[in-house]
């Protein structure tokens, strides 16, 4: 009986970790987009266009990754 409880706890922690990583993924993607866009804007004298484009791409990319994780979790729970 205790083995079932332990396996269920491990699964719960894994799910919380995957969903909780969304904040770090989003922050990293936005920060990466900001720094890359700012660098290109300074080099090409196009401020703020590259920065805005890369920030938006970072946001979109992080949401796509989040939906992939959710889809994976929902698929595993159906089994």
Protein backbone atom coordinates (compact mmCIF):
# COMPACT_ATOMS: atom_id res chain seq x y z
CA UNK A 1 0.00 0.00 0.00
CA UNK A 2 2.72 2.60 0.77
CA UNK A 3 4.27 2.04 -2.67
CA UNK A 4 1.12 3.26 -4.38
CA UNK A 5 1.11 6.43 -2.30
CA UNK A 6 4.77 7.11 -3.03
CA UNK A 7 4.29 6.66 -6.79
CA UNK A 8 1.30 8.99 -6.73
CA UNK A 9 3.28 11.61 -4.78
CA UNK A 10 6.16 11.41 -7.25
CA UNK A 11 3.75 11.87 -10.16
CA UNK A 12 2.16 14.89 -8.45
CA UNK A 13 5.54 16.53 -7.89
CA UNK A 14 6.53 15.87 -11.50
CA UNK A 15 3.36 17.52 -12.79
CA UNK A 16 3.80 20.52 -10.48
CA UNK A 17 7.39 20.87 -11.66
CA UNK A 18 6.43 20.79 -15.33
CA UNK A 19 3.65 23.33 -14.94
CA UNK A 20 5.73 25.48 -12.58
CA UNK A 21 8.54 25.68 -15.11
CA UNK A 22 6.28 27.78 -17.36
CA UNK A 23 7.29 30.95 -15.51
CA UNK A 24 10.99 30.30 -16.00
CA UNK A 25 10.48 29.37 -19.64
CA UNK A 26 8.49 32.53 -20.31
CA UNK A 27 10.93 34.79 -18.47
CA UNK A 28 13.90 33.27 -20.30
CA UNK A 29 12.26 33.56 -23.69
CA UNK A 30 11.23 37.18 -23.11
CA UNK A 31 14.64 38.14 -21.73
CA UNK A 32 16.40 36.40 -24.62
CA UNK A 33 14.17 38.20 -27.11
CA UNK A 34 14.81 41.53 -25.42
CA UNK A 35 18.60 41.17 -25.39
CA UNK A 36 18.85 39.78 -28.92
CA UNK A 37 16.47 42.41 -30.28
CA UNK A 38 18.25 45.23 -28.47
CA UNK A 39 21.60 44.06 -29.80
CA UNK A 40 20.30 43.97 -33.37
CA UNK A 41 18.60 47.36 -32.95
CA UNK A 42 21.86 48.95 -31.80
CA UNK A 43 23.82 47.38 -34.65
CA UNK A 44 21.26 48.27 -37.34
CA UNK A 45 19.91 51.49 -35.78
CA UNK A 46 16.30 50.25 -35.92
CA UNK A 47 15.17 50.78 -32.31
CA UNK A 48 12.64 49.38 -31.12
CA UNK A 49 11.52 47.11 -33.96
CA UNK A 50 13.76 44.07 -33.57
CA UNK A 51 13.36 44.16 -29.80
CA UNK A 52 9.56 44.12 -30.08
CA UNK A 53 9.55 41.38 -32.69
CA UNK A 54 11.86 39.11 -30.70
CA UNK A 55 9.96 39.69 -27.45
CA UNK A 56 6.72 38.72 -29.20
CA UNK A 57 8.38 35.64 -30.69
CA UNK A 58 9.60 34.69 -27.21
CA UNK A 59 6.12 35.02 -25.75
CA UNK A 60 4.57 32.99 -28.58
CA UNK A 61 7.27 30.33 -28.30
CA UNK A 62 6.84 29.97 -24.55
CA UNK A 63 3.07 29.53 -24.89
CA UNK A 64 3.54 26.91 -27.61
CA UNK A 65 5.90 25.02 -25.31
CA UNK A 66 3.44 25.35 -22.42
CA UNK A 67 0.62 23.89 -24.53
CA UNK A 68 2.87 20.99 -25.56
CA UNK A 69 3.51 20.20 -21.89
CA UNK A 70 -0.19 20.39 -21.05
CA UNK A 71 -1.06 18.15 -24.00
CA UNK A 72 1.56 15.64 -22.87
CA UNK A 73 0.22 15.64 -19.31
CA UNK A 74 -3.36 15.20 -20.46
CA UNK A 75 -2.33 12.34 -22.72
CA UNK A 76 -0.53 10.58 -19.87
CA UNK A 77 -3.52 10.96 -17.54
CA UNK A 78 -5.86 9.27 -20.04
CA UNK A 79 -3.81 6.06 -19.96
